[in-house]
Amino acid sequence: QKYTHICIQTHIKKLFLLIRLYGNPARCLIKVYEMRKIVDNRELNIINRFLHGDHEAYSLLYKEHVQELFSYGKALTSNDERLKDAIQDVFYKILSNPSSLKNVQNLKYFLFKSLKNRLIDILKSEINK
């Protein structure tokens, strides 16, 4: 919930900045949509390159999302080592099974969901020891 609150505050700040830049809120929303479309297309291009064997694209995915995943994961666990291991597991799974990205339309959602599920698995295994 704390993470959601921070995200909302960040988005509101960005929205006010864009309104100041573009004046009209409707124009602002159009710009946000256009920017998001560019980001989505760029991510889909990187995924496509990785699926076709370009391992530099994998490095790009990692570099662009590892910090975001760490920030998101901090809201789920206070154990940094557990979190780092989970993030490493998520990216290792992608590297060892590239086809897992084949039908991904929203990479950030996929990564966040994968991290959350991996942290749950780690916690379950720790409890069962």
Protein backbone atom coordinates (compact mmCIF):
# COMPACT_ATOMS: atom_id res chain seq x y z
CA GLN A 1 0.00 0.00 0.00
CA LYS A 2 2.90 2.33 0.78
CA TYR A 3 4.38 1.58 -2.66
CA THR A 4 1.04 2.34 -4.33
CA HIS A 5 0.81 5.66 -2.46
CA ILE A 6 4.33 6.63 -3.60
CA CYS A 7 3.50 5.67 -7.21
CA ILE A 8 0.32 7.74 -7.16
CA GLN A 9 2.20 10.75 -5.78
CA THR A 10 4.87 10.36 -8.46
CA HIS A 11 2.28 10.13 -11.23
CA ILE A 12 0.42 13.19 -9.93
CA LYS A 13 3.66 15.19 -9.90
CA LYS A 14 4.42 14.08 -13.46
CA LEU A 15 0.90 14.92 -14.54
CA PHE A 16 1.12 18.47 -13.12
CA LEU A 17 4.48 18.94 -14.81
CA LEU A 18 3.04 17.82 -18.14
CA ILE A 19 0.03 20.12 -17.73
CA ARG A 20 2.41 23.01 -17.11
CA LEU A 21 4.40 22.04 -20.22
CA TYR A 22 1.45 21.47 -22.55
CA GLY A 23 -1.15 23.74 -20.95
CA ASN A 24 -4.31 21.92 -21.87
CA PRO A 25 -5.04 18.74 -19.82
CA ALA A 26 -6.47 17.04 -22.93
CA ARG A 27 -3.23 17.67 -24.84
CA CYS A 28 -1.37 16.40 -21.81
CA LEU A 29 -3.29 13.11 -21.86
CA ILE A 30 -2.62 12.72 -25.57
CA LYS A 31 1.12 13.24 -24.95
CA VAL A 32 1.10 10.70 -22.10
CA TYR A 33 -0.63 8.18 -24.38
CA GLU A 34 1.88 8.85 -27.18
CA MET A 35 4.83 8.49 -24.81
CA ARG A 36 3.46 5.26 -23.35
CA LYS A 37 2.95 3.88 -26.85
CA ILE A 38 6.60 4.65 -27.68
CA VAL A 39 7.75 2.91 -24.49
CA ASP A 40 5.54 -0.12 -25.19
CA ASN A 41 6.80 -0.38 -28.78
CA ARG A 42 10.40 -0.03 -27.62
CA GLU A 43 9.97 -2.75 -25.00
CA LEU A 44 8.24 -5.04 -27.48
CA ASN A 45 11.12 -4.44 -29.90
CA ILE A 46 13.67 -5.36 -27.22
CA ILE A 47 11.69 -8.49 -26.32
CA ASN A 48 11.50 -9.44 -29.98
CA ARG A 49 15.26 -8.98 -30.41
CA PHE A 50 15.89 -11.16 -27.34
CA LEU A 51 13.53 -13.86 -28.64
CA HIS A 52 15.58 -13.92 -31.84
CA GLY A 53 18.84 -14.53 -29.98
CA ASP A 54 20.12 -11.01 -29.32
CA HIS A 55 21.60 -11.29 -25.83
CA GLU A 56 22.41 -7.58 -25.77
CA ALA A 57 18.64 -7.06 -25.67
CA TYR A 58 18.55 -9.21 -22.51
CA SER A 59 21.15 -6.91 -20.94
CA LEU A 60 18.99 -3.92 -21.85
CA LEU A 61 15.94 -5.52 -20.22
CA TYR A 62 17.95 -6.15 -17.08
CA LYS A 63 19.52 -2.68 -16.89
CA GLU A 64 16.23 -0.89 -17.52
CA HIS A 65 14.16 -2.82 -15.00
CA VAL A 66 16.37 -4.09 -12.19
CA GLN A 67 16.15 -0.89 -10.12
CA GLU A 68 12.38 -0.65 -10.57
CA LEU A 69 12.05 -4.27 -9.47
CA PHE A 70 14.20 -3.61 -6.43
CA SER A 71 12.07 -0.60 -5.45
CA TYR A 72 8.87 -2.61 -5.92
CA GLY A 73 10.31 -5.57 -4.03
CA LYS A 74 11.24 -3.36 -1.04
CA ALA A 75 7.50 -2.91 -0.50
CA LEU A 76 7.13 -6.70 -0.36
CA THR A 77 10.11 -7.67 1.82
CA SER A 78 12.57 -5.94 4.09
CA ASN A 79 15.26 -8.58 3.47
CA ASP A 80 17.55 -7.15 0.78
CA GLU A 81 19.41 -10.42 0.21
CA ARG A 82 16.17 -12.33 -0.31
CA LEU A 83 15.00 -9.62 -2.69
CA LYS A 84 18.25 -9.64 -4.70
CA ASP A 85 18.07 -13.43 -4.98
CA ALA A 86 14.46 -13.25 -6.16
CA ILE A 87 15.28 -10.62 -8.80
CA GLN A 88 18.21 -12.72 -9.99
CA ASP A 89 15.91 -15.76 -10.20
CA VAL A 90 13.36 -13.82 -12.27
CA PHE A 91 15.97 -12.74 -14.80
CA TYR A 92 17.62 -16.18 -14.84
CA LYS A 93 14.24 -17.75 -15.61
CA ILE A 94 13.79 -15.34 -18.52
CA LEU A 95 17.29 -16.08 -19.81
CA SER A 96 16.84 -19.85 -19.55
CA ASN A 97 13.32 -19.75 -21.04
CA PRO A 98 13.03 -16.83 -23.50
CA SER A 99 9.69 -18.11 -24.79
CA SER A 100 8.15 -17.01 -21.47
CA LEU A 101 8.21 -13.50 -22.97
CA LYS A 102 6.52 -14.52 -26.22
CA ASN A 103 3.02 -13.28 -25.37
CA VAL A 104 3.99 -10.48 -22.98
CA GLN A 105 2.26 -7.19 -23.77
CA ASN A 106 3.26 -5.31 -20.61
CA LEU A 107 6.80 -6.14 -19.55
CA LYS A 108 6.70 -4.19 -16.29
CA TYR A 109 3.56 -6.04 -15.15
CA PHE A 110 5.12 -9.36 -16.14
CA LEU A 111 8.32 -8.62 -14.19
CA PHE A 112 6.49 -7.33 -11.10
CA LYS A 113 4.17 -10.34 -11.08
CA SER A 114 7.11 -12.72 -11.56
CA LEU A 115 9.01 -11.09 -8.70
CA LYS A 116 6.02 -11.22 -6.38
CA ASN A 117 5.44 -14.90 -7.18
CA ARG A 118 9.13 -15.72 -6.69
CA LEU A 119 9.21 -13.97 -3.32
CA ILE A 120 6.12 -15.93 -2.26
CA ASP A 121 7.84 -19.18 -3.29
CA ILE A 122 10.99 -18.25 -1.35
CA LEU A 123 8.97 -17.38 1.76
CA LYS A 124 7.03 -20.64 1.54
CA SER A 125 10.24 -22.65 1.26
CA GLU A 126 11.71 -20.81 4.27
CA ILE A 127 8.61 -21.53 6.32
CA ASN A 128 8.65 -25.22 5.39
CA LYS A 129 12.29 -25.70 6.50
